[in-house]
Protein backbone atom coordinates (compact mmCIF):
# COMPACT_ATOMS: atom_id res chain seq x y z
CA MET A 1 -33.39 -2.46 0.32
CA LYS A 2 -29.46 -3.02 0.13
CA LYS A 3 -28.65 -5.79 1.90
CA ASP A 4 -25.96 -5.71 4.07
CA LYS A 5 -22.52 -8.15 3.51
CA ILE A 6 -19.00 -8.80 5.23
CA THR A 7 -16.85 -6.94 3.13
CA ILE A 8 -13.10 -8.20 3.48
CA GLU A 9 -11.18 -4.97 2.39
CA LEU A 10 -6.88 -5.64 2.96
CA TYR A 11 -6.33 -2.02 3.58
CA SER A 12 -9.20 -1.27 5.79
CA LEU A 13 -8.36 -4.20 7.42
CA LEU A 14 -4.46 -3.58 8.10
CA LYS A 15 -5.45 0.19 9.11
CA ASP A 16 -7.51 -1.52 11.72
CA VAL A 17 -4.95 -3.68 13.21
CA VAL A 18 -2.36 -1.01 13.75
CA LYS A 19 -5.15 1.69 14.61
CA ASN A 20 -6.21 -0.94 17.67
CA ILE A 21 -2.66 -2.93 18.33
CA TRP A 22 -2.53 -1.05 21.46
CA VAL A 23 -5.45 -2.82 22.38
CA VAL A 24 -3.56 -6.91 21.17
CA ILE A 25 -0.71 -5.28 22.70
CA LEU A 26 -2.64 -4.30 26.34
CA CYS A 27 -3.95 -8.35 26.03
CA ALA A 28 -0.88 -9.57 25.83
CA ILE A 29 0.13 -7.72 29.27
CA ILE A 30 -3.44 -8.62 30.96
CA GLY A 31 -2.91 -12.42 30.19
CA SER A 32 1.00 -12.21 31.18
CA MET A 33 -0.15 -10.30 34.52
CA GLY A 34 -2.74 -13.13 35.22
CA PHE A 35 -0.66 -16.15 34.62
CA PHE A 36 1.96 -14.81 37.05
CA LEU A 37 -0.90 -13.92 39.74
CA VAL A 38 -2.40 -17.06 39.59
CA THR A 39 0.34 -18.96 39.78
CA HIS A 40 1.83 -16.88 42.58
CA ALA A 41 -1.27 -17.08 44.25
CA SER A 42 -1.56 -20.89 44.32
CA TYR A 43 2.19 -21.08 44.13
CA LYS A 44 4.30 -23.30 46.62
CA PRO A 45 8.05 -24.19 45.72
CA MET A 46 8.55 -28.50 45.91
CA TYR A 47 12.02 -29.77 46.15
CA THR A 48 13.35 -33.05 45.54
CA SER A 49 16.25 -34.67 46.08
CA THR A 50 17.56 -37.86 44.00
CA ALA A 51 19.30 -41.04 44.56
CA THR A 52 20.57 -43.86 42.15
CA LEU A 53 20.51 -47.47 43.21
CA THR A 54 21.46 -50.64 41.56
CA VAL A 55 19.91 -54.36 42.22
CA LEU A 56 22.95 -56.68 43.68
CA ASN A 57 22.03 -61.04 42.56
CA SER A 58 24.51 -62.16 45.99
CA GLY A 59 26.01 -59.25 47.03
CA SER A 60 28.57 -58.00 44.59
CA VAL A 61 28.70 -56.00 41.54
CA THR A 62 30.57 -58.66 39.37
CA ALA A 63 27.70 -61.01 40.14
CA SER A 64 24.88 -58.45 39.34
CA TYR A 65 26.27 -58.76 35.51
CA SER A 66 26.21 -61.89 35.28
CA THR A 67 22.62 -62.31 36.15
CA TYR A 68 21.94 -59.15 34.47
CA THR A 69 18.14 -60.56 34.01
CA ILE A 70 17.75 -61.91 37.85
CA SER A 71 18.97 -58.35 38.85
CA THR A 72 16.15 -56.77 36.51
CA GLU A 73 13.09 -58.02 38.07
CA LYS A 74 14.47 -57.74 41.32
CA ALA A 75 15.06 -53.90 40.64
CA ASN A 76 11.03 -54.11 38.95
CA VAL A 77 9.49 -55.53 42.39
CA LEU A 78 11.82 -53.66 44.47
CA VAL A 79 10.86 -49.93 43.31
CA ASN A 80 7.28 -51.63 44.54
CA VAL A 81 8.17 -51.39 47.69
CA PHE A 82 9.79 -48.57 47.98
CA THR A 83 6.16 -46.89 47.34
CA GLU A 84 4.80 -48.70 49.94
CA PRO A 85 3.26 -47.00 52.65
CA THR A 86 5.06 -48.83 55.02
CA ILE A 87 8.66 -47.90 54.04
CA LYS A 88 7.68 -44.57 55.14
CA GLU A 89 6.46 -45.07 58.87
CA TYR A 90 10.76 -46.97 58.54
CA ALA A 91 12.19 -44.01 57.41
CA ALA A 92 9.70 -41.36 59.95
CA GLU A 93 11.02 -44.06 62.79
CA TYR A 94 14.23 -43.91 61.79
CA LEU A 95 14.32 -40.13 61.72
CA GLY A 96 12.44 -39.82 65.35
CA VAL A 97 9.38 -38.48 63.93
CA GLU A 98 5.42 -38.66 63.88
CA LYS A 99 5.04 -38.34 60.19
CA PHE A 100 7.09 -38.93 56.84
CA ALA A 101 6.48 -35.57 55.36
CA GLY A 102 6.86 -35.92 52.08
CA THR A 103 6.47 -38.43 48.79
CA ILE A 104 8.43 -41.27 47.32
CA SER A 105 8.58 -41.91 43.53
CA ALA A 106 11.13 -44.69 42.06
CA ARG A 107 11.47 -45.96 38.28
CA VAL A 108 14.03 -48.55 37.10
CA LEU A 109 16.39 -46.67 34.36
CA GLU A 110 15.41 -48.87 31.26
CA SER A 111 17.12 -51.65 29.91
CA THR A 112 19.30 -51.66 33.54
CA ASN A 113 18.71 -52.75 36.72
CA PHE A 114 19.32 -48.90 37.92
CA ILE A 115 17.08 -47.80 40.41
CA GLU A 116 16.58 -43.67 40.48
CA LEU A 117 14.80 -43.29 44.08
CA LYS A 118 13.10 -39.35 44.50
CA VAL A 119 11.55 -38.41 47.62
CA THR A 120 9.94 -34.55 47.34
CA SER A 121 9.51 -32.13 50.25
CA ASP A 122 8.72 -28.36 50.90
CA HIS A 123 11.89 -27.67 51.63
CA PRO A 124 15.11 -28.86 50.35
CA GLU A 125 16.86 -29.91 53.32
CA LYS A 126 13.55 -31.96 55.01
CA ALA A 127 14.14 -34.00 51.39
CA TYR A 128 17.51 -34.69 51.77
CA LYS A 129 17.19 -36.04 55.39
CA LEU A 130 13.99 -37.96 54.33
CA LEU A 131 15.76 -39.90 51.01
CA ASN A 132 18.66 -41.05 53.46
CA ALA A 133 16.23 -42.10 55.66
CA VAL A 134 14.24 -44.12 53.18
CA ILE A 135 17.75 -45.36 51.72
CA LYS A 136 18.68 -46.56 55.21
CA SER A 137 15.61 -48.07 56.31
CA HIS A 138 14.27 -49.89 52.72
CA HIS A 139 15.95 -53.10 54.19
CA LYS A 140 13.03 -53.86 57.12
CA VAL A 141 10.92 -53.85 53.85
CA SER A 142 13.24 -56.14 50.99
CA ASN A 143 14.40 -58.57 53.41
CA LYS A 144 10.82 -59.92 53.70
CA ILE A 145 10.96 -60.08 49.81
CA PHE A 146 14.47 -61.14 49.16
CA LYS A 147 16.72 -62.20 51.04
CA ASN A 148 19.87 -60.39 51.11
CA ALA A 149 17.85 -57.75 48.74
CA GLY A 150 21.32 -56.17 48.02
CA ILE A 151 20.64 -52.80 47.25
CA ALA A 152 23.81 -50.48 46.35
CA VAL A 153 23.84 -46.89 46.48
CA ILE A 154 25.51 -45.63 43.11
CA SER A 155 24.45 -42.14 43.38
CA ASN A 156 23.77 -40.50 47.39
CA PRO A 157 21.75 -38.24 47.92
CA THR A 158 22.36 -34.17 47.72
CA VAL A 159 20.77 -31.04 48.96
CA PRO A 160 18.46 -30.16 46.01
CA ALA A 161 19.81 -26.59 45.12
CA GLY A 162 15.84 -25.08 43.83
CA PRO A 163 12.52 -25.76 43.87
CA SER A 164 11.91 -29.22 41.33
CA ASN A 165 8.50 -27.68 40.21
CA TYR A 166 9.50 -24.04 38.71
CA ILE A 167 7.00 -22.28 36.98
CA SER A 168 7.57 -22.75 33.37
CA SER A 169 8.35 -20.02 30.50
CA SER A 170 6.42 -21.96 28.07
CA ASN A 171 3.43 -21.84 29.70
CA ARG A 172 3.43 -18.47 30.91
CA ASN A 173 4.13 -17.94 26.69
CA MET A 174 1.60 -19.82 25.38
CA VAL A 175 -1.21 -17.72 27.78
CA ILE A 176 0.00 -14.81 26.33
CA THR A 177 -0.23 -16.00 22.68
CA ALA A 178 -3.54 -17.24 23.26
CA CYS A 179 -4.48 -13.34 24.57
CA THR A 180 -2.82 -12.18 21.67
CA THR A 181 -4.20 -14.36 19.43
CA LEU A 182 -7.65 -13.87 20.85
CA SER A 183 -7.33 -9.69 20.82
CA LEU A 184 -6.53 -9.95 17.44
CA ALA A 185 -9.29 -12.12 16.11
CA LEU A 186 -11.80 -9.29 17.46
CA VAL A 187 -10.13 -6.69 15.75
CA ILE A 188 -10.71 -8.63 12.76
CA ALA A 189 -13.80 -9.62 13.54
CA PHE A 190 -15.23 -5.95 14.37
CA SER A 191 -13.41 -4.89 11.69
CA LEU A 192 -15.45 -7.67 9.02
CA MET A 193 -18.63 -6.69 10.47
CA ARG A 194 -18.22 -3.16 10.57
CA ASN A 195 -21.31 -1.66 8.22
CA THR A 196 -19.91 0.94 6.00
CA VAL A 197 -18.17 1.26 2.25
CA LYS A 198 -15.08 -0.06 2.25
CA LYS A 199 -14.12 -0.22 -1.77
CA GLU A 200 -15.53 0.38 -4.51
CA SER A 201 -17.36 -3.50 -5.52
CA ASP A 202 -19.34 -2.56 -1.76
CA PHE A 203 -20.89 0.36 -3.46
CA ASP A 204 -23.77 -1.47 -5.78
CA ASP A 205 -24.38 -3.75 -3.12
CA LYS A 206 -25.00 -1.13 -0.28
CA ILE A 207 -25.85 2.35 -1.53
CA GLU A 208 -29.26 3.08 -3.41
CA SER A 209 -27.68 5.91 -5.67
CA LYS A 210 -25.48 5.73 -8.70
CA LEU A 211 -22.27 5.67 -8.27
CA ILE A 212 -21.07 9.01 -9.79
CA GLY A 213 -16.93 8.33 -8.84
CA THR A 214 -14.43 7.95 -7.46
CA ILE A 215 -11.82 9.69 -5.99
CA ALA A 216 -8.53 7.43 -5.35
CA HIS A 217 -6.13 7.97 -2.07
CA GLU A 218 -3.94 10.61 -2.44
CA ASP A 219 -1.09 10.51 0.04
CA LYS A 220 -0.08 14.25 0.84
CA ARG A 221 3.60 14.23 -0.53
CA MET A 222 5.81 17.54 0.85
CA SER A 223 9.15 18.64 -0.10
CA LEU A 224 11.70 18.64 2.53
CA SER A 225 11.30 22.53 2.53
CA ASP A 226 8.03 21.94 3.52
CA ILE A 227 8.63 18.94 6.42
CA ARG A 228 11.28 21.68 7.51
CA LYS A 229 8.63 23.86 7.67
CA LYS A 230 5.80 21.30 9.58
CA LYS A 231 3.46 23.28 5.97
CA LYS A 232 0.80 20.28 5.86
CA LYS A 233 0.26 20.33 2.03
CA GLY A 234 -3.34 20.40 0.20
CA LEU A 235 -4.94 18.42 -2.33
CA LEU A 236 -5.87 20.53 -4.82
CA ILE A 237 -5.22 19.64 -8.16
CA HIS A 238 -2.97 22.39 -10.97
CA SER A 239 -1.73 24.10 -8.00
CA ASN A 240 0.01 21.11 -5.80
CA ALA A 241 2.87 19.50 -7.84
CA TYR A 242 2.61 16.15 -5.76
CA VAL A 243 -0.75 15.30 -6.74
CA SER A 244 -0.81 12.36 -8.79
CA LEU A 245 -2.61 11.18 -12.49
CA ARG A 246 -4.53 9.05 -11.38
CA PHE A 247 -5.81 11.56 -8.36
CA THR A 248 -6.21 14.49 -11.57
CA GLU A 249 -7.93 12.26 -14.08
CA ASN A 250 -10.78 11.41 -11.47
CA PHE A 251 -11.98 14.45 -11.04
CA HIS A 252 -11.95 14.78 -14.93
CA LYS A 253 -14.10 12.68 -15.16
CA VAL A 254 -16.47 13.86 -12.24
CA ALA A 255 -16.76 17.32 -14.37
CA ALA A 256 -16.63 15.70 -17.85
CA LYS A 257 -20.52 13.66 -16.28
CA LEU A 258 -21.73 17.28 -14.90
CA GLU A 259 -21.16 18.66 -18.39
CA HIS A 260 -23.11 16.17 -19.60
CA ILE A 261 -25.62 16.79 -17.16
CA LYS A 262 -26.12 20.23 -17.83
CA ASN A 263 -25.55 19.64 -21.66
CA ARG A 264 -28.88 17.21 -21.58
CA SER A 265 -30.57 19.00 -19.16
CA ASP A 266 -29.14 22.54 -18.38
CA GLU A 267 -28.79 21.79 -14.84
CA LYS A 268 -25.20 23.99 -13.46
CA VAL A 269 -25.86 24.63 -9.91
CA PHE A 270 -24.58 21.43 -7.71
CA ALA A 271 -24.16 21.07 -4.28
CA ILE A 272 -21.77 19.10 -3.28
CA THR A 273 -22.39 17.74 0.62
CA SER A 274 -21.61 14.48 3.17
CA VAL A 275 -23.25 12.74 5.97
CA ALA A 276 -20.26 13.08 8.03
CA GLU A 277 -17.67 15.45 8.90
CA ASN A 278 -13.80 14.71 7.25
CA GLU A 279 -14.91 13.32 4.38
CA GLY A 280 -13.57 15.18 1.74
CA LYS A 281 -16.68 17.14 0.34
CA SER A 282 -14.48 20.37 0.14
CA THR A 283 -11.51 19.45 -1.32
CA CYS A 284 -14.00 17.50 -4.18
CA ALA A 285 -15.73 20.08 -4.77
CA ALA A 286 -12.96 22.56 -5.27
CA ASN A 287 -11.05 20.07 -7.15
CA ILE A 288 -14.58 19.54 -9.43
CA ALA A 289 -15.01 23.49 -9.85
CA VAL A 290 -10.89 23.34 -10.58
CA SER A 291 -11.04 20.53 -13.13
CA LEU A 292 -14.28 22.53 -14.86
CA ALA A 293 -12.89 25.41 -15.31
CA ASP A 294 -9.86 23.47 -16.92
CA ARG A 295 -12.23 22.29 -19.43
CA GLY A 296 -13.12 25.77 -20.68
CA ASN A 297 -16.29 26.71 -17.92
CA LYS A 298 -16.95 29.26 -16.70
CA VAL A 299 -17.23 28.25 -12.56
CA MET A 300 -18.45 30.06 -9.97
CA ILE A 301 -17.17 28.04 -6.39
CA LEU A 302 -19.68 29.18 -3.59
CA ASP A 303 -18.89 28.21 0.43
CA LEU A 304 -22.38 27.58 1.95
CA ASP A 305 -20.90 26.35 4.68
CA PHE A 306 -21.54 29.04 7.63
CA LYS A 307 -21.23 26.65 10.35
CA LYS A 308 -16.78 25.42 9.72
CA PRO A 309 -15.71 27.25 6.36
CA ALA A 310 -12.61 25.82 4.84
CA LEU A 311 -12.44 26.40 1.24
CA TYR A 312 -11.40 29.32 1.99
CA LYS A 313 -7.80 26.71 3.48
CA ILE A 314 -8.17 24.92 0.33
CA PHE A 315 -7.11 28.01 -2.05
CA SER A 316 -5.11 29.28 0.39
CA GLU A 317 -7.55 32.55 1.04
CA GLU A 318 -6.70 35.32 3.18
CA THR A 319 -9.75 37.84 4.56
CA ILE A 320 -9.68 40.87 2.52
CA GLU A 321 -12.58 43.66 1.93
CA ASN A 322 -15.50 42.90 0.94
CA GLY A 323 -14.72 39.62 0.13
CA GLU A 324 -16.71 36.80 2.43
CA VAL A 325 -19.94 35.60 1.32
CA SER A 326 -21.41 36.22 4.82
CA ASP A 327 -21.77 40.37 4.24
CA LEU A 328 -22.32 40.08 0.77
CA LEU A 329 -25.46 37.89 2.44
CA ALA A 330 -26.38 40.33 4.93
CA LYS A 331 -26.16 43.22 2.07
CA LYS A 332 -23.39 44.91 3.83
CA VAL A 333 -21.38 44.82 0.22
CA THR A 334 -23.51 45.15 -3.32
CA TYR A 335 -23.37 42.10 -5.66
CA GLU A 336 -21.24 44.60 -8.11
CA ASN A 337 -18.93 45.54 -5.17
CA PHE A 338 -17.76 42.05 -3.94
CA ALA A 339 -14.48 40.65 -3.97
CA PHE A 340 -14.74 37.45 -5.83
CA ARG A 341 -11.34 36.44 -6.42
CA GLN A 342 -9.97 34.36 -9.31
CA PHE A 343 -7.67 31.00 -9.43
CA LYS A 344 -4.55 31.75 -11.11
CA LYS A 345 -5.60 32.31 -15.13
CA THR A 346 -8.85 30.49 -15.16
CA SER A 347 -12.26 31.07 -15.37
CA LEU A 348 -12.78 30.13 -11.88
CA SER A 349 -13.95 32.69 -9.28
CA VAL A 350 -13.94 31.34 -5.98
CA ALA A 351 -16.80 32.99 -3.27
CA VAL A 352 -15.58 32.00 0.39
CA ASN A 353 -15.91 33.19 4.41
CA THR A 354 -12.99 33.14 6.57
CA LYS A 355 -14.93 32.79 9.60
CA ALA A 356 -18.67 31.27 10.73
CA ASP A 357 -21.04 33.39 11.16
CA ALA A 358 -23.78 32.07 14.17
CA GLU A 359 -26.64 33.55 12.35
CA TYR A 360 -26.93 32.23 8.63
CA ARG A 361 -30.00 31.02 9.14
CA LYS A 362 -31.33 34.38 8.06
CA PHE A 363 -30.05 34.11 5.21
CA ILE A 364 -32.19 31.20 4.17
CA GLU A 365 -35.58 32.92 5.51
CA ASP A 366 -34.87 36.38 3.61
CA GLY A 367 -34.05 34.80 0.60
CA SER A 368 -30.46 36.51 0.08
CA ILE A 369 -29.05 32.86 -1.03
CA ALA A 370 -31.78 32.00 -3.41
CA GLU A 371 -31.40 35.59 -5.14
CA LEU A 372 -27.47 35.42 -5.34
CA ILE A 373 -27.79 31.81 -6.53
CA LYS A 374 -29.97 33.08 -9.56
CA LYS A 375 -28.01 36.00 -10.26
CA LEU A 376 -24.62 33.38 -10.36
CA LYS A 377 -26.62 31.14 -12.76
CA SER A 378 -27.07 34.51 -15.00
CA GLU A 379 -23.39 34.99 -15.67
CA TYR A 380 -21.77 31.88 -14.90
CA ASP A 381 -21.30 27.89 -16.83
CA PHE A 382 -21.51 26.40 -13.15
CA ILE A 383 -21.88 27.04 -9.72
CA ILE A 384 -20.87 24.33 -7.51
CA ILE A 385 -22.14 25.09 -3.78
CA ASP A 386 -20.03 23.83 -0.81
CA THR A 387 -22.51 23.11 2.04
CA ALA A 388 -21.92 22.21 6.16
CA PRO A 389 -22.42 18.10 6.35
CA LEU A 390 -25.82 17.12 6.67
CA SER A 391 -25.34 15.92 9.77
CA LEU A 392 -24.35 18.92 11.09
CA ASP A 393 -26.47 21.50 9.84
CA SER A 394 -30.33 21.12 9.29
CA THR A 395 -30.47 23.92 6.45
CA VAL A 396 -28.62 22.39 3.85
CA THR A 397 -32.31 19.88 3.31
CA ASP A 398 -33.09 23.96 2.09
CA ILE A 399 -30.00 24.84 0.47
CA ILE A 400 -30.34 21.37 -1.76
CA LYS A 401 -34.03 22.42 -2.40
CA MET A 402 -32.59 25.67 -4.15
CA VAL A 403 -29.99 23.58 -6.42
CA ASP A 404 -29.87 22.13 -9.98
CA LYS A 405 -28.47 18.73 -8.72
CA THR A 406 -26.98 17.77 -5.37
CA ILE A 407 -23.48 15.35 -4.75
CA LEU A 408 -23.01 13.03 -1.92
CA VAL A 409 -19.73 13.16 -0.83
CA ILE A 410 -19.07 9.25 0.65
CA ARG A 411 -15.76 8.55 2.35
CA THR A 412 -14.87 4.38 2.56
CA ASP A 413 -15.06 3.55 5.95
CA THR A 414 -16.56 5.95 7.62
CA VAL A 415 -20.03 6.53 7.43
CA HIS A 416 -22.26 3.02 8.23
CA THR A 417 -24.29 2.21 4.82
CA THR A 418 -27.36 2.57 6.83
CA VAL A 419 -26.73 6.19 7.84
CA LEU A 420 -25.91 6.87 4.11
CA ASN A 421 -28.75 5.03 2.73
CA ASP A 422 -31.41 7.01 4.84
CA ALA A 423 -29.48 10.25 4.19
CA ILE A 424 -30.04 9.59 0.35
CA SER A 425 -33.40 8.67 0.91
CA THR A 426 -33.72 11.96 2.50
CA ILE A 427 -32.46 14.15 -0.22
CA SER A 428 -34.91 12.00 -2.80
CA LYS A 429 -37.71 13.43 -0.45
CA ILE A 430 -36.92 17.09 -0.34
CA SER A 431 -35.99 17.41 -4.24
CA SER A 432 -35.53 14.31 -5.96
CA ASN A 433 -32.17 16.17 -7.22
CA LEU A 434 -30.14 13.40 -6.07
CA ALA A 435 -26.75 13.32 -9.38
CA GLY A 436 -25.64 10.31 -7.29
CA CYS A 437 -22.45 9.92 -4.98
CA ILE A 438 -18.60 10.16 -5.13
CA LEU A 439 -17.27 7.30 -3.35
CA ASN A 440 -13.31 9.03 -2.42
CA ASP A 441 -10.71 8.27 -0.94
CA VAL A 442 -10.61 4.56 -2.15
CA HIS A 443 -7.82 2.52 -1.85
CA MET A 444 -5.54 0.35 -4.30
CA ASN A 445 -6.43 -3.24 -4.02
CA ILE A 446 -2.56 -4.28 -2.33
CA LEU A 447 -3.58 -8.06 -2.99
CA PRO A 448 -0.43 -9.44 -5.37
CA PHE A 449 -0.95 -9.45 -8.77
CA SER A 450 -4.13 -7.06 -8.40
CA PHE A 451 -3.65 -3.54 -10.31
CA THR A 452 -6.83 -2.29 -11.22
CA GLY A 453 -7.55 1.13 -11.34
CA ASN A 454 -9.69 2.56 -8.55
CA ASP A 455 -12.45 3.62 -10.45
CA GLU A 456 -15.79 3.16 -11.30
CA SER A 457 -15.17 2.45 -15.21
CA THR A 458 -13.54 -1.34 -13.75
CA ARG A 459 -16.85 -2.44 -13.19
CA TYR A 460 -17.75 -2.04 -16.52
CA GLY A 461 -14.86 -3.63 -17.66
CA GLY A 462 -13.51 -0.39 -18.80
CA TYR A 463 -9.83 1.22 -19.26
CA ARG A 464 -6.84 -0.64 -16.94
CA TYR A 465 -3.87 1.02 -16.01
CA GLY A 466 -1.89 -2.28 -15.71
CA LYS A 467 1.47 -2.42 -14.04
CA HIS A 468 1.42 1.46 -13.66
CA SER A 469 -1.34 1.70 -12.01
CA HIS A 470 -0.22 2.59 -8.70
CA TYR A 471 -0.49 6.25 -9.12
CA GLY A 472 2.61 7.24 -6.91
CA HIS A 473 4.31 5.60 -9.29
CA TYR A 474 4.08 8.87 -12.00
CA GLY A 475 6.01 10.72 -9.47
CA LYS A 476 4.94 14.86 -10.08
CA TYR A 477 1.87 16.15 -12.64
CA PRO A 478 2.64 19.29 -14.41
CA ALA A 479 0.20 22.25 -13.88
CA PRO A 480 -1.99 21.97 -17.69
CA LYS A 481 -1.63 24.39 -19.60
CA TYR A 482 -5.03 26.85 -19.85
CA ASP A 483 -6.77 28.53 -22.80
CA ILE A 484 -8.92 30.53 -20.80
CA GLU A 485 -7.76 34.41 -21.64
CA PRO A 486 -6.18 35.14 -18.15
CA ILE A 487 -6.94 38.56 -15.89
CA PRO A 488 -4.43 41.52 -16.58
CA GLU A 489 -1.55 40.76 -15.11
CA GLU A 490 -1.48 44.35 -13.12
CA ASN A 491 -4.53 42.77 -11.07
CA GLU A 492 -3.07 39.53 -10.02
CA THR A 493 -1.49 38.70 -6.53
CA SER A 494 -0.85 36.30 -4.78
CA VAL A 495 -1.40 34.96 -1.76
CA GLN A 496 -0.05 32.36 0.61
CA GLY A 497 -1.09 29.30 2.52
CA ALA A 498 -2.69 28.24 5.37
CA PRO A 499 -2.74 25.79 7.35
CA GLU A 500 -4.60 22.03 7.09
CA ASN A 501 -7.87 22.02 9.12
CA ASN A 502 -11.21 19.49 8.70
CA ASP A 503 -11.81 16.96 6.34
CA THR A 504 -9.36 19.86 3.57
CA SER A 505 -6.17 21.46 3.51
CA ALA A 506 -3.69 23.13 0.14
CA GLU A 507 -1.28 25.09 -0.69
CA ALA A 508 -2.89 26.94 -3.40
CA ASP A 509 -1.78 30.48 -5.17
CA ILE A 510 -5.10 32.50 -5.68
CA THR A 511 -5.18 36.06 -7.62
CA GLU A 512 -6.67 39.49 -6.62
CA LYS A 513 -10.45 40.07 -7.19
CA ILE A 514 -12.46 39.99 -10.66
């Protein structure tokens, strides 16, 4: 049993952060609103009036400077006088009120004989009046300590213009930063803990099968005309001028391995499946078939995904008379009269469905599919079958029993590894014909100075592409010259593209039936 482990893959991490950035923003907004509600629910504005006093030694300013040390000591003593409860009683008496509704604070300014005196209250005018009352009545206490203490007012009190306990924006920013950081940390933690195959090195550690190929991530590059017409480009090699060299070569390597399997054991029927939708199995099946034909093999690609057929979109096929696989299996059209399409001037034949068929189960039960595969095996070097995903159609396991080998397409960071290993175990128990897995949509390592290729051969010290390993740098990849003898020109017609759907799309030119 493979062990689960935390994998750090920067592209996956950045994708999760971007995908969940709304969560981070929402947490920041909640933090800001929460800070506002809490602070304003308990907030009571307070106002502070301030005055500056100086201590005179002999009743004159000149004398205070000549005896600086003595006046400074008096100032330190008088600061304590201003904070005594008695001073509040005299101030309240001066104002003619029962209680001193405020607080008094005082301090000696450093290295001076000046006293900063403050009174804080819940109303600005009240703070001003209370401070005036303290200044007017302080001598009733100070004269008991120093005879003729000699306190002069340097700066008279004023009515405060605003509250002294204003809500600090720095505290609010700290709360927002904390909420943002915490939410971002949670997104990163969940991304790291998600147990999927995120990169090539994960496969051996997490998947209980062998890797027969990796397919690099490919951007759907489009011309300005396609963007203007909102036309979606597919990822079919030799038909889309924008696919990269790396993407094309990845499929050529998989095709070479399938040739090796056939040469070794004469196994030629391959089912291409996946566990879930949108893992790219149809795109992989189509490109493997094209690559095999490009290598000189006579190939048939057969669409047996009756729930949600996609190959007709990849090959830009339209409905034609006697051209539906469902009609062939239902005996509505004979094998000899069925309209197999030909891909360009190659040895690839295409048999597709353009619509779903709810009665497809009977084709398995009455042996129609097995009979068709048997006929095709006698005529073609390879038969590539595109099936429905395992998790969506239970009949896929019946089709797997009819083929020579099964290939499971795994898209990076999509399906939990436990589910993948369960599917691999199921296939192995059904027929023991699992050829291996294709890891699809593998992204380049975006760490600085990391330019190794996205191919399973690099795990064994294989060839590296060096500084040009980013497949996007190669630009357009020209269509190869085929050595296959073409069908006569008079049998050819072009079929226009269809929009993308599900996990596949393409704009390829398909010619008429064989």
